[in-house]
Each structure stands twice: as structure tokens, then as C-alpha cells.
Amino acid sequence: QVQLVESGGDLVQPGGSLTLSCAAPGSIFSVYTMGWYRQHGGRQRELVATITSGGKSNYGDSVKGRFTISRDNVKNMVYLQMNSLKPEDTAIYYCLATMGVYDYWGQGTQVTVSS
């Protein structure tokens, strides 16, 4: 059983910043693409950002220029730096490890952007 553990979710004011963290097992981290998705209410889960094992990143259109994904291949951690947060960024953020047909998800961490 692969376990991903997210942390860092919080209540933050509009325009503020927040960093999410995700810890993954070393057995998969070095070869898997890691990513962040989010889900608000009953909406479909949407892409936030992904980063390959080689460090190539990809972002959803709604977060480009504001969010930055990074990974630490020594600590087996992936991070999501979120700047200029907006109320519409409010969601549960899920960490993902993916390779081919194998997808593993974390339990999610709540981010609320509100004044």
C-alpha cells in the first residue's frame, strides 16, 4: 500500500501565500511523476500541477504564474508554493503519484482563501 501524506493546508486571506507538502515512499518517488490536483464541492477534480522525475513541470491554466511545484528527491517530498491566492483557489488539494496505469492519491488537505 502506497501512502502519500499531504500537509500545509490552512485558511489564508486573498493575496496571501501558502506552501503544501507531500511525503511519498522512497520506493516510488524517484521514478514517479508527482502532482497536485484539487476539488471544490461537487466539481470534478482538476489539475493544479505535475512534475516528472526529471523535473519537468506542467500547470493548470488557472494557476500558471502563481503556483510553483517542486520536488526534493533526497527527502522524497513534493511541494506546491501558492502565491497571490484567490477565493476560487479554495478546495481540497490532493497529492498524486502516477506512472502508467498506477495512480496513488493522498487523503487531501483543505485550503481556504477568505477574508
PDB file of N, CA and C in Angstrom:
ATOM      1  N   GLN A   1       0.834  -1.180   0.000  1.00  0.00           N
ATOM      2  CA  GLN A   1       0.000   0.000   0.000  1.00  0.00           C
ATOM      3  C   GLN A   1       0.882   1.248   0.000  1.00  0.00           C
ATOM      4  N   VAL A   2       0.715   2.063  -1.011  1.00  0.00           N
ATOM      5  CA  VAL A   2       1.485   3.301  -1.112  1.00  0.00           C
ATOM      6  C   VAL A   2       0.723   4.399  -0.400  1.00  0.00           C
ATOM      7  N   GLN A   3       1.389   5.082   0.491  1.00  0.00           N
ATOM      8  CA  GLN A   3       0.745   6.138   1.267  1.00  0.00           C
ATOM      9  C   GLN A   3       1.407   7.471   0.977  1.00  0.00           C
ATOM     10  N   LEU A   4       0.585   8.428   0.562  1.00  0.00           N
ATOM     11  CA  LEU A   4       1.031   9.801   0.375  1.00  0.00           C
ATOM     12  C   LEU A   4       0.420  10.645   1.483  1.00  0.00           C
ATOM     13  N   VAL A   5       1.219  11.506   2.070  1.00  0.00           N
ATOM     14  CA  VAL A   5       0.736  12.303   3.195  1.00  0.00           C
ATOM     15  C   VAL A   5       0.928  13.779   2.895  1.00  0.00           C
ATOM     16  N   GLU A   6      -0.192  14.496   2.753  1.00  0.00           N
ATOM     17  CA  GLU A   6      -0.140  15.930   2.497  1.00  0.00           C
ATOM     18  C   GLU A   6      -0.181  16.707   3.807  1.00  0.00           C
ATOM     19  N   SER A   7       0.344  17.911   3.756  1.00  0.00           N
ATOM     20  CA  SER A   7       0.256  18.820   4.894  1.00  0.00           C
ATOM     21  C   SER A   7       0.363  20.251   4.386  1.00  0.00           C
ATOM     22  N   GLY A   8      -0.016  21.193   5.244  1.00  0.00           N
ATOM     23  CA  GLY A   8       0.147  22.598   4.919  1.00  0.00           C
ATOM     24  C   GLY A   8      -1.130  23.346   4.609  1.00  0.00           C
ATOM     25  N   GLY A   9      -2.241  22.647   4.472  1.00  0.00           N
ATOM     26  CA  GLY A   9      -3.492  23.344   4.213  1.00  0.00           C
ATOM     27  C   GLY A   9      -3.874  24.258   5.364  1.00  0.00           C
ATOM     28  N   ASP A  10      -4.515  25.383   5.014  1.00  0.00           N
ATOM     29  CA  ASP A  10      -4.830  26.365   6.052  1.00  0.00           C
ATOM     30  C   ASP A  10      -5.829  27.362   5.498  1.00  0.00           C
ATOM     31  N   LEU A  11      -6.266  28.258   6.368  1.00  0.00           N
ATOM     32  CA  LEU A  11      -7.074  29.412   5.987  1.00  0.00           C
ATOM     33  C   LEU A  11      -6.132  30.579   5.729  1.00  0.00           C
ATOM     34  N   VAL A  12      -6.276  31.205   4.565  1.00  0.00           N
ATOM     35  CA  VAL A  12      -5.394  32.313   4.207  1.00  0.00           C
ATOM     36  C   VAL A  12      -6.218  33.396   3.538  1.00  0.00           C
ATOM     37  N   GLN A  13      -5.787  34.637   3.681  1.00  0.00           N
ATOM     38  CA  GLN A  13      -6.505  35.751   3.082  1.00  0.00           C
ATOM     39  C   GLN A  13      -6.197  35.865   1.594  1.00  0.00           C
ATOM     40  N   PRO A  14      -7.112  36.436   0.839  1.00  0.00           N
ATOM     41  CA  PRO A  14      -6.838  36.659  -0.584  1.00  0.00           C
ATOM     42  C   PRO A  14      -5.555  37.464  -0.770  1.00  0.00           C
ATOM     43  N   GLY A  15      -4.763  37.062  -1.748  1.00  0.00           N
ATOM     44  CA  GLY A  15      -3.473  37.694  -1.989  1.00  0.00           C
ATOM     45  C   GLY A  15      -2.337  37.077  -1.205  1.00  0.00           C
ATOM     46  N   GLY A  16      -2.660  36.189  -0.293  1.00  0.00           N
ATOM     47  CA  GLY A  16      -1.647  35.566   0.538  1.00  0.00           C
ATOM     48  C   GLY A  16      -0.968  34.392  -0.134  1.00  0.00           C
ATOM     49  N   SER A  17      -0.068  33.772   0.620  1.00  0.00           N
ATOM     50  CA  SER A  17       0.718  32.641   0.114  1.00  0.00           C
ATOM     51  C   SER A  17       0.617  31.458   1.060  1.00  0.00           C
ATOM     52  N   LEU A  18       0.846  30.287   0.494  1.00  0.00           N
ATOM     53  CA  LEU A  18       0.802  29.057   1.279  1.00  0.00           C
ATOM     54  C   LEU A  18       1.636  28.011   0.561  1.00  0.00           C
ATOM     55  N   THR A  19       2.270  27.140   1.327  1.00  0.00           N
ATOM     56  CA  THR A  19       3.039  26.045   0.739  1.00  0.00           C
ATOM     57  C   THR A  19       2.495  24.716   1.228  1.00  0.00           C
ATOM     58  N   LEU A  20       2.158  23.851   0.292  1.00  0.00           N
ATOM     59  CA  LEU A  20       1.715  22.498   0.606  1.00  0.00           C
ATOM     60  C   LEU A  20       2.882  21.530   0.446  1.00  0.00           C
ATOM     61  N   SER A  21       2.875  20.491   1.254  1.00  0.00           N
ATOM     62  CA  SER A  21       3.913  19.471   1.184  1.00  0.00           C
ATOM     63  C   SER A  21       3.272  18.099   1.062  1.00  0.00           C
ATOM     64  N   CYS A  22       3.988  17.195   0.404  1.00  0.00           N
ATOM     65  CA  CYS A  22       3.512  15.815   0.270  1.00  0.00           C
ATOM     66  C   CYS A  22       4.713  14.887   0.427  1.00  0.00           C
ATOM     67  N   ALA A  23       4.583  13.960   1.358  1.00  0.00           N
ATOM     68  CA  ALA A  23       5.624  12.964   1.578  1.00  0.00           C
ATOM     69  C   ALA A  23       5.234  11.661   0.887  1.00  0.00           C
ATOM     70  N   ALA A  24       6.180  11.077   0.166  1.00  0.00           N
ATOM     71  CA  ALA A  24       5.921   9.834  -0.564  1.00  0.00           C
ATOM     72  C   ALA A  24       6.975   8.795  -0.219  1.00  0.00           C
ATOM     73  N   PRO A  25       6.653   7.522  -0.369  1.00  0.00           N
ATOM     74  CA  PRO A  25       7.655   6.478  -0.102  1.00  0.00           C
ATOM     75  C   PRO A  25       8.819   6.567  -1.080  1.00  0.00           C
ATOM     76  N   GLY A  26      10.000   6.303  -0.586  1.00  0.00           N
ATOM     77  CA  GLY A  26      11.172   6.359  -1.447  1.00  0.00           C
ATOM     78  C   GLY A  26      11.142   5.333  -2.560  1.00  0.00           C
ATOM     79  N   SER A  27      10.398   4.249  -2.344  1.00  0.00           N
ATOM     80  CA  SER A  27      10.342   3.175  -3.340  1.00  0.00           C
ATOM     81  C   SER A  27       9.725   3.626  -4.652  1.00  0.00           C
ATOM     82  N   ILE A  28       8.887   4.666  -4.631  1.00  0.00           N
ATOM     83  CA  ILE A  28       8.244   5.113  -5.866  1.00  0.00           C
ATOM     84  C   ILE A  28       8.671   6.507  -6.263  1.00  0.00           C
ATOM     85  N   PHE A  29       9.140   7.285  -5.297  1.00  0.00           N
ATOM     86  CA  PHE A  29       9.323   8.705  -5.548  1.00  0.00           C
ATOM     87  C   PHE A  29      10.305   8.968  -6.688  1.00  0.00           C
ATOM     88  N   SER A  30      11.362   8.204  -6.765  1.00  0.00           N
ATOM     89  CA  SER A  30      12.417   8.501  -7.735  1.00  0.00           C
ATOM     90  C   SER A  30      11.984   8.303  -9.183  1.00  0.00           C
ATOM     91  N   VAL A  31      10.943   7.517  -9.400  1.00  0.00           N
ATOM     92  CA  VAL A  31      10.559   7.223 -10.786  1.00  0.00           C
ATOM     93  C   VAL A  31       9.173   7.739 -11.158  1.00  0.00           C
ATOM     94  N   TYR A  32       8.364   8.089 -10.178  1.00  0.00           N
ATOM     95  CA  TYR A  32       7.004   8.504 -10.454  1.00  0.00           C
ATOM     96  C   TYR A  32       6.920   9.999 -10.745  1.00  0.00           C
ATOM     97  N   THR A  33       5.983  10.359 -11.596  1.00  0.00           N
ATOM     98  CA  THR A  33       5.575  11.742 -11.731  1.00  0.00           C
ATOM     99  C   THR A  33       4.707  12.091 -10.527  1.00  0.00           C
ATOM    100  N   MET A  34       4.983  13.226  -9.919  1.00  0.00           N
ATOM    101  CA  MET A  34       4.215  13.683  -8.764  1.00  0.00           C
ATOM    102  C   MET A  34       3.367  14.874  -9.173  1.00  0.00           C
ATOM    103  N   GLY A  35       2.260  15.048  -8.486  1.00  0.00           N
ATOM    104  CA  GLY A  35       1.397  16.157  -8.864  1.00  0.00           C
ATOM    105  C   GLY A  35       0.434  16.558  -7.774  1.00  0.00           C
ATOM    106  N   TRP A  36      -0.243  17.641  -8.064  1.00  0.00           N
ATOM    107  CA  TRP A  36      -1.294  18.161  -7.191  1.00  0.00           C
ATOM    108  C   TRP A  36      -2.560  18.372  -8.024  1.00  0.00           C
ATOM    109  N   TYR A  37      -3.657  17.911  -7.489  1.00  0.00           N
ATOM    110  CA  TYR A  37      -4.979  18.165  -8.038  1.00  0.00           C
ATOM    111  C   TYR A  37      -5.827  18.788  -6.938  1.00  0.00           C
ATOM    112  N   ARG A  38      -6.918  19.421  -7.327  1.00  0.00           N
ATOM    113  CA  ARG A  38      -7.805  19.993  -6.325  1.00  0.00           C
ATOM    114  C   ARG A  38      -9.256  19.744  -6.689  1.00  0.00           C
ATOM    115  N   GLN A  39     -10.079  19.770  -5.658  1.00  0.00           N
ATOM    116  CA  GLN A  39     -11.509  19.531  -5.853  1.00  0.00           C
ATOM    117  C   GLN A  39     -12.284  20.433  -4.910  1.00  0.00           C
ATOM    118  N   HIS A  40     -13.232  21.163  -5.478  1.00  0.00           N
ATOM    119  CA  HIS A  40     -14.058  22.067  -4.690  1.00  0.00           C
ATOM    120  C   HIS A  40     -15.507  21.641  -4.792  1.00  0.00           C
ATOM    121  N   GLY A  41     -16.112  21.349  -3.673  1.00  0.00           N
ATOM    122  CA  GLY A  41     -17.508  20.943  -3.643  1.00  0.00           C
ATOM    123  C   GLY A  41     -17.740  19.708  -4.502  1.00  0.00           C
ATOM    124  N   GLY A  42     -18.774  19.767  -5.317  1.00  0.00           N
ATOM    125  CA  GLY A  42     -19.112  18.640  -6.164  1.00  0.00           C
ATOM    126  C   GLY A  42     -18.483  18.689  -7.532  1.00  0.00           C
ATOM    127  N   ARG A  43     -17.548  19.597  -7.733  1.00  0.00           N
ATOM    128  CA  ARG A  43     -16.918  19.737  -9.041  1.00  0.00           C
ATOM    129  C   ARG A  43     -15.939  18.611  -9.295  1.00  0.00           C
ATOM    130  N   GLN A  44     -15.598  18.450 -10.557  1.00  0.00           N
ATOM    131  CA  GLN A  44     -14.619  17.447 -10.953  1.00  0.00           C
ATOM    132  C   GLN A  44     -13.241  17.846 -10.429  1.00  0.00           C
ATOM    133  N   ARG A  45     -12.461  16.846 -10.060  1.00  0.00           N
ATOM    134  CA  ARG A  45     -11.097  17.111  -9.615  1.00  0.00           C
ATOM    135  C   ARG A  45     -10.309  17.685 -10.790  1.00  0.00           C
ATOM    136  N   GLU A  46      -9.566  18.773 -10.564  1.00  0.00           N
ATOM    137  CA  GLU A  46      -8.848  19.420 -11.649  1.00  0.00           C
ATOM    138  C   GLU A  46      -7.344  19.456 -11.399  1.00  0.00           C
ATOM    139  N   LEU A  47      -6.611  19.469 -12.494  1.00  0.00           N
ATOM    140  CA  LEU A  47      -5.163  19.538 -12.438  1.00  0.00           C
ATOM    141  C   LEU A  47      -4.708  20.871 -11.881  1.00  0.00           C
ATOM    142  N   VAL A  48      -3.775  20.813 -10.937  1.00  0.00           N
ATOM    143  CA  VAL A  48      -3.090  22.017 -10.476  1.00  0.00           C
ATOM    144  C   VAL A  48      -1.697  22.057 -11.097  1.00  0.00           C
ATOM    145  N   ALA A  49      -0.900  21.013 -10.830  1.00  0.00           N
ATOM    146  CA  ALA A  49       0.456  20.970 -11.355  1.00  0.00           C
ATOM    147  C   ALA A  49       1.005  19.551 -11.260  1.00  0.00           C
ATOM    148  N   THR A  50       1.912  19.229 -12.163  1.00  0.00           N
ATOM    149  CA  THR A  50       2.640  17.966 -12.088  1.00  0.00           C
ATOM    150  C   THR A  50       4.120  18.231 -12.323  1.00  0.00           C
ATOM    151  N   ILE A  51       4.941  17.294 -11.864  1.00  0.00           N
ATOM    152  CA  ILE A  51       6.382  17.389 -12.089  1.00  0.00           C
ATOM    153  C   ILE A  51       6.921  15.978 -12.281  1.00  0.00           C
ATOM    154  N   THR A  52       7.662  15.791 -13.359  1.00  0.00           N
ATOM    155  CA  THR A  52       8.194  14.467 -13.661  1.00  0.00           C
ATOM    156  C   THR A  52       9.396  14.158 -12.782  1.00  0.00           C
ATOM    157  N   SER A  53       9.851  12.918 -12.848  1.00  0.00           N
ATOM    158  CA  SER A  53      11.033  12.532 -12.076  1.00  0.00           C
ATOM    159  C   SER A  53      12.257  13.317 -12.533  1.00  0.00           C
ATOM    160  N   GLY A  54      12.234  13.791 -13.774  1.00  0.00           N
ATOM    161  CA  GLY A  54      13.338  14.593 -14.291  1.00  0.00           C
ATOM    162  C   GLY A  54      13.209  16.078 -14.039  1.00  0.00           C
ATOM    163  N   GLY A  55      12.089  16.472 -13.407  1.00  0.00           N
ATOM    164  CA  GLY A  55      11.926  17.866 -13.039  1.00  0.00           C
ATOM    165  C   GLY A  55      11.129  18.722 -14.003  1.00  0.00           C
ATOM    166  N   LYS A  56      10.518  18.111 -15.009  1.00  0.00           N
ATOM    167  CA  LYS A  56       9.709  18.887 -15.947  1.00  0.00           C
ATOM    168  C   LYS A  56       8.328  19.118 -15.336  1.00  0.00           C
ATOM    169  N   SER A  57       7.884  20.372 -15.325  1.00  0.00           N
ATOM    170  CA  SER A  57       6.621  20.717 -14.669  1.00  0.00           C
ATOM    171  C   SER A  57       5.555  21.123 -15.673  1.00  0.00           C
ATOM    172  N   ASN A  58       4.329  20.982 -15.237  1.00  0.00           N
ATOM    173  CA  ASN A  58       3.169  21.337 -16.045  1.00  0.00           C
ATOM    174  C   ASN A  58       2.115  21.904 -15.103  1.00  0.00           C
ATOM    175  N   TYR A  59       1.393  22.949 -15.562  1.00  0.00           N
ATOM    176  CA  TYR A  59       0.443  23.624 -14.699  1.00  0.00           C
ATOM    177  C   TYR A  59      -0.925  23.749 -15.353  1.00  0.00           C
ATOM    178  N   GLY A  60      -1.945  23.738 -14.494  1.00  0.00           N
ATOM    179  CA  GLY A  60      -3.271  24.066 -14.976  1.00  0.00           C
ATOM    180  C   GLY A  60      -3.342  25.548 -15.314  1.00  0.00           C
ATOM    181  N   ASP A  61      -4.194  25.892 -16.259  1.00  0.00           N
ATOM    182  CA  ASP A  61      -4.255  27.273 -16.740  1.00  0.00           C
ATOM    183  C   ASP A  61      -4.602  28.254 -15.628  1.00  0.00           C
ATOM    184  N   SER A  62      -5.424  27.851 -14.686  1.00  0.00           N
ATOM    185  CA  SER A  62      -5.891  28.780 -13.659  1.00  0.00           C
ATOM    186  C   SER A  62      -4.824  29.133 -12.622  1.00  0.00           C
ATOM    187  N   VAL A  63      -3.717  28.402 -12.608  1.00  0.00           N
ATOM    188  CA  VAL A  63      -2.690  28.667 -11.591  1.00  0.00           C
ATOM    189  C   VAL A  63      -1.357  29.081 -12.193  1.00  0.00           C
ATOM    190  N   LYS A  64      -1.248  29.083 -13.507  1.00  0.00           N
ATOM    191  CA  LYS A  64       0.019  29.449 -14.147  1.00  0.00           C
ATOM    192  C   LYS A  64       0.454  30.841 -13.719  1.00  0.00           C
ATOM    193  N   GLY A  65       1.732  30.958 -13.364  1.00  0.00           N
ATOM    194  CA  GLY A  65       2.276  32.239 -12.949  1.00  0.00           C
ATOM    195  C   GLY A  65       2.087  32.540 -11.478  1.00  0.00           C
ATOM    196  N   ARG A  66       1.262  31.743 -10.796  1.00  0.00           N
ATOM    197  CA  ARG A  66       1.020  31.979  -9.366  1.00  0.00           C
ATOM    198  C   ARG A  66       1.533  30.825  -8.495  1.00  0.00           C
ATOM    199  N   PHE A  67       1.448  29.621  -9.010  1.00  0.00           N
ATOM    200  CA  PHE A  67       1.844  28.437  -8.248  1.00  0.00           C
ATOM    201  C   PHE A  67       3.133  27.852  -8.824  1.00  0.00           C
ATOM    202  N   THR A  68       3.930  27.234  -7.946  1.00  0.00           N
ATOM    203  CA  THR A  68       5.161  26.574  -8.366  1.00  0.00           C
ATOM    204  C   THR A  68       5.264  25.215  -7.696  1.00  0.00           C
ATOM    205  N   ILE A  69       5.449  24.189  -8.508  1.00  0.00           N
ATOM    206  CA  ILE A  69       5.647  22.846  -7.971  1.00  0.00           C
ATOM    207  C   ILE A  69       7.136  22.522  -7.981  1.00  0.00           C
ATOM    208  N   SER A  70       7.574  21.817  -6.957  1.00  0.00           N
ATOM    209  CA  SER A  70       8.975  21.403  -6.885  1.00  0.00           C
ATOM    210  C   SER A  70       9.052  20.073  -6.143  1.00  0.00           C
ATOM    211  N   ARG A  71      10.182  19.413  -6.306  1.00  0.00           N
ATOM    212  CA  ARG A  71      10.368  18.132  -5.636  1.00  0.00           C
ATOM    213  C   ARG A  71      11.771  18.027  -5.077  1.00  0.00           C
ATOM    214  N   ASP A  72      11.888  17.338  -3.961  1.00  0.00           N
ATOM    215  CA  ASP A  72      13.171  17.084  -3.327  1.00  0.00           C
ATOM    216  C   ASP A  72      13.391  15.575  -3.374  1.00  0.00           C
ATOM    217  N   ASN A  73      14.273  15.141  -4.261  1.00  0.00           N
ATOM    218  CA  ASN A  73      14.475  13.709  -4.482  1.00  0.00           C
ATOM    219  C   ASN A  73      15.303  13.042  -3.382  1.00  0.00           C
ATOM    220  N   VAL A  74      15.814  13.820  -2.462  1.00  0.00           N
ATOM    221  CA  VAL A  74      16.535  13.257  -1.310  1.00  0.00           C
ATOM    222  C   VAL A  74      15.552  13.002  -0.172  1.00  0.00           C
ATOM    223  N   LYS A  75      14.676  13.977   0.047  1.00  0.00           N
ATOM    224  CA  LYS A  75      13.698  13.870   1.132  1.00  0.00           C
ATOM    225  C   LYS A  75      12.413  13.163   0.710  1.00  0.00           C
ATOM    226  N   ASN A  76      12.296  12.868  -0.594  1.00  0.00           N
ATOM    227  CA  ASN A  76      11.069  12.236  -1.123  1.00  0.00           C
ATOM    228  C   ASN A  76       9.837  13.095  -0.840  1.00  0.00           C
ATOM    229  N   MET A  77       9.977  14.368  -1.130  1.00  0.00           N
ATOM    230  CA  MET A  77       8.911  15.334  -0.877  1.00  0.00           C
ATOM    231  C   MET A  77       8.600  16.099  -2.160  1.00  0.00           C
ATOM    232  N   VAL A  78       7.335  16.449  -2.303  1.00  0.00           N
ATOM    233  CA  VAL A  78       6.923  17.341  -3.372  1.00  0.00           C
ATOM    234  C   VAL A  78       6.195  18.516  -2.716  1.00  0.00           C
ATOM    235  N   TYR A  79       6.416  19.709  -3.263  1.00  0.00           N
ATOM    236  CA  TYR A  79       5.882  20.931  -2.683  1.00  0.00           C
ATOM    237  C   TYR A  79       5.058  21.693  -3.711  1.00  0.00           C
ATOM    238  N   LEU A  80       4.118  22.457  -3.189  1.00  0.00           N
ATOM    239  CA  LEU A  80       3.352  23.364  -4.031  1.00  0.00           C
ATOM    240  C   LEU A  80       3.362  24.726  -3.361  1.00  0.00           C
ATOM    241  N   GLN A  81       4.118  25.645  -3.946  1.00  0.00           N
ATOM    242  CA  GLN A  81       4.159  27.020  -3.464  1.00  0.00           C
ATOM    243  C   GLN A  81       3.039  27.792  -4.157  1.00  0.00           C
ATOM    244  N   MET A  82       2.128  28.347  -3.365  1.00  0.00           N
ATOM    245  CA  MET A  82       0.968  29.054  -3.912  1.00  0.00           C
ATOM    246  C   MET A  82       1.034  30.520  -3.517  1.00  0.00           C
ATOM    247  N   ASN A  83       1.090  31.385  -4.491  1.00  0.00           N
ATOM    248  CA  ASN A  83       1.142  32.833  -4.271  1.00  0.00           C
ATOM    249  C   ASN A  83      -0.100  33.490  -4.874  1.00  0.00           C
ATOM    250  N   SER A  84      -0.337  34.713  -4.445  1.00  0.00           N
ATOM    251  CA  SER A  84      -1.465  35.500  -4.971  1.00  0.00           C
ATOM    252  C   SER A  84      -2.756  34.690  -4.941  1.00  0.00           C
ATOM    253  N   LEU A  85      -3.019  34.102  -3.811  1.00  0.00           N
ATOM    254  CA  LEU A  85      -4.173  33.218  -3.695  1.00  0.00           C
ATOM    255  C   LEU A  85      -5.490  33.984  -3.848  1.00  0.00           C
ATOM    256  N   LYS A  86      -6.452  33.320  -4.480  1.00  0.00           N
ATOM    257  CA  LYS A  86      -7.765  33.886  -4.740  1.00  0.00           C
ATOM    258  C   LYS A  86      -8.833  33.017  -4.062  1.00  0.00           C
ATOM    259  N   PRO A  87      -9.988  33.590  -3.781  1.00  0.00           N
ATOM    260  CA  PRO A  87     -11.060  32.777  -3.189  1.00  0.00           C
ATOM    261  C   PRO A  87     -11.390  31.539  -4.017  1.00  0.00           C
ATOM    262  N   GLU A  88     -11.266  31.627  -5.327  1.00  0.00           N
ATOM    263  CA  GLU A  88     -11.563  30.473  -6.174  1.00  0.00           C
ATOM    264  C   GLU A  88     -10.513  29.374  -6.087  1.00  0.00           C
ATOM    265  N   ASP A  89      -9.421  29.630  -5.369  1.00  0.00           N
ATOM    266  CA  ASP A  89      -8.441  28.562  -5.118  1.00  0.00           C
ATOM    267  C   ASP A  89      -8.860  27.681  -3.952  1.00  0.00           C
ATOM    268  N   THR A  90      -9.923  28.070  -3.264  1.00  0.00           N
ATOM    269  CA  THR A  90     -10.432  27.255  -2.160  1.00  0.00           C
ATOM    270  C   THR A  90     -10.822  25.876  -2.655  1.00  0.00           C
ATOM    271  N   ALA A  91     -10.258  24.846  -2.016  1.00  0.00           N
ATOM    272  CA  ALA A  91     -10.509  23.474  -2.434  1.00  0.00           C
ATOM    273  C   ALA A  91      -9.771  22.519  -1.505  1.00  0.00           C
ATOM    274  N   ILE A  92     -10.055  21.241  -1.662  1.00  0.00           N
ATOM    275  CA  ILE A  92      -9.212  20.211  -1.066  1.00  0.00           C
ATOM    276  C   ILE A  92      -8.138  19.889  -2.089  1.00  0.00           C
ATOM    277  N   TYR A  93      -6.906  19.928  -1.666  1.00  0.00           N
ATOM    278  CA  TYR A  93      -5.766  19.672  -2.547  1.00  0.00           C
ATOM    279  C   TYR A  93      -5.237  18.263  -2.284  1.00  0.00           C
ATOM    280  N   TYR A  94      -5.112  17.509  -3.370  1.00  0.00           N
ATOM    281  CA  TYR A  94      -4.688  16.113  -3.283  1.00  0.00           C
ATOM    282  C   TYR A  94      -3.332  15.933  -3.956  1.00  0.00           C
ATOM    283  N   CYS A  95      -2.487  15.183  -3.298  1.00  0.00           N
ATOM    284  CA  CYS A  95      -1.200  14.797  -3.879  1.00  0.00           C
ATOM    285  C   CYS A  95      -1.375  13.511  -4.675  1.00  0.00           C
ATOM    286  N   LEU A  96      -0.687  13.440  -5.800  1.00  0.00           N
ATOM    287  CA  LEU A  96      -0.785  12.285  -6.690  1.00  0.00           C
ATOM    288  C   LEU A  96       0.607  11.791  -7.054  1.00  0.00           C
ATOM    289  N   ALA A  97       0.764  10.479  -7.056  1.00  0.00           N
ATOM    290  CA  ALA A  97       1.950   9.838  -7.628  1.00  0.00           C
ATOM    291  C   ALA A  97       1.451   8.955  -8.771  1.00  0.00           C
ATOM    292  N   THR A  98       2.003   9.153  -9.960  1.00  0.00           N
ATOM    293  CA  THR A  98       1.476   8.444 -11.114  1.00  0.00           C
ATOM    294  C   THR A  98       2.589   7.946 -12.025  1.00  0.00           C
ATOM    295  N   MET A  99       2.382   6.736 -12.537  1.00  0.00           N
ATOM    296  CA  MET A  99       3.277   6.193 -13.548  1.00  0.00           C
ATOM    297  C   MET A  99       2.498   5.129 -14.315  1.00  0.00           C
ATOM    298  N   GLY A 100       2.257   5.395 -15.568  1.00  0.00           N
ATOM    299  CA  GLY A 100       1.497   4.459 -16.381  1.00  0.00           C
ATOM    300  C   GLY A 100       0.087   4.281 -15.840  1.00  0.00           C
ATOM    301  N   VAL A 101      -0.263   3.045 -15.549  1.00  0.00           N
ATOM    302  CA  VAL A 101      -1.605   2.754 -15.054  1.00  0.00           C
ATOM    303  C   VAL A 101      -1.698   2.830 -13.538  1.00  0.00           C
ATOM    304  N   TYR A 102      -0.604   3.159 -12.906  1.00  0.00           N
ATOM    305  CA  TYR A 102      -0.577   3.195 -11.448  1.00  0.00           C
ATOM    306  C   TYR A 102      -0.745   4.637 -10.958  1.00  0.00           C
ATOM    307  N   ASP A 103      -1.806   4.876 -10.207  1.00  0.00           N
ATOM    308  CA  ASP A 103      -2.080   6.163  -9.586  1.00  0.00           C
ATOM    309  C   ASP A 103      -2.272   5.963  -8.092  1.00  0.00           C
ATOM    310  N   TYR A 104      -1.602   6.806  -7.308  1.00  0.00           N
ATOM    311  CA  TYR A 104      -1.779   6.780  -5.864  1.00  0.00           C
ATOM    312  C   TYR A 104      -2.118   8.196  -5.394  1.00  0.00           C
ATOM    313  N   TRP A 105      -3.107   8.280  -4.505  1.00  0.00           N
ATOM    314  CA  TRP A 105      -3.590   9.571  -4.027  1.00  0.00           C
ATOM    315  C   TRP A 105      -3.420   9.704  -2.533  1.00  0.00           C
ATOM    316  N   GLY A 106      -3.175  10.929  -2.089  1.00  0.00           N
ATOM    317  CA  GLY A 106      -3.193  11.228  -0.680  1.00  0.00           C
ATOM    318  C   GLY A 106      -4.613  11.472  -0.198  1.00  0.00           C
ATOM    319  N   GLN A 107      -4.737  11.767   1.077  1.00  0.00           N
ATOM    320  CA  GLN A 107      -6.054  11.939   1.681  1.00  0.00           C
ATOM    321  C   GLN A 107      -6.598  13.350   1.491  1.00  0.00           C
ATOM    322  N   GLY A 108      -5.751  14.274   1.076  1.00  0.00           N
ATOM    323  CA  GLY A 108      -6.185  15.646   0.823  1.00  0.00           C
ATOM    324  C   GLY A 108      -5.933  16.577   1.984  1.00  0.00           C
ATOM    325  N   THR A 109      -5.741  17.850   1.647  1.00  0.00           N
ATOM    326  CA  THR A 109      -5.564  18.887   2.660  1.00  0.00           C
ATOM    327  C   THR A 109      -6.371  20.106   2.228  1.00  0.00           C
ATOM    328  N   GLN A 110      -7.087  20.697   3.165  1.00  0.00           N
ATOM    329  CA  GLN A 110      -8.013  21.787   2.854  1.00  0.00           C
ATOM    330  C   GLN A 110      -7.293  23.122   2.788  1.00  0.00           C
ATOM    331  N   VAL A 111      -7.519  23.834   1.695  1.00  0.00           N
ATOM    332  CA  VAL A 111      -7.054  25.212   1.547  1.00  0.00           C
ATOM    333  C   VAL A 111      -8.285  26.105   1.406  1.00  0.00           C
ATOM    334  N   THR A 112      -8.385  27.084   2.269  1.00  0.00           N
ATOM    335  CA  THR A 112      -9.490  28.034   2.220  1.00  0.00           C
ATOM    336  C   THR A 112      -8.938  29.440   2.084  1.00  0.00           C
ATOM    337  N   VAL A 113      -9.372  30.137   1.048  1.00  0.00           N
ATOM    338  CA  VAL A 113      -8.935  31.510   0.813  1.00  0.00           C
ATOM    339  C   VAL A 113     -10.128  32.423   1.052  1.00  0.00           C
ATOM    340  N   SER A 114     -10.045  33.187   2.127  1.00  0.00           N
ATOM    341  CA  SER A 114     -11.182  34.016   2.524  1.00  0.00           C
ATOM    342  C   SER A 114     -10.715  35.126   3.445  1.00  0.00           C
ATOM    343  N   SER A 115     -11.397  36.260   3.352  1.00  0.00           N
ATOM    344  CA  SER A 115     -11.092  37.364   4.262  1.00  0.00           C
ATOM    345  C   SER A 115     -11.991  37.310   5.494  1.00  0.00           C
TER     346      SER A 115
END
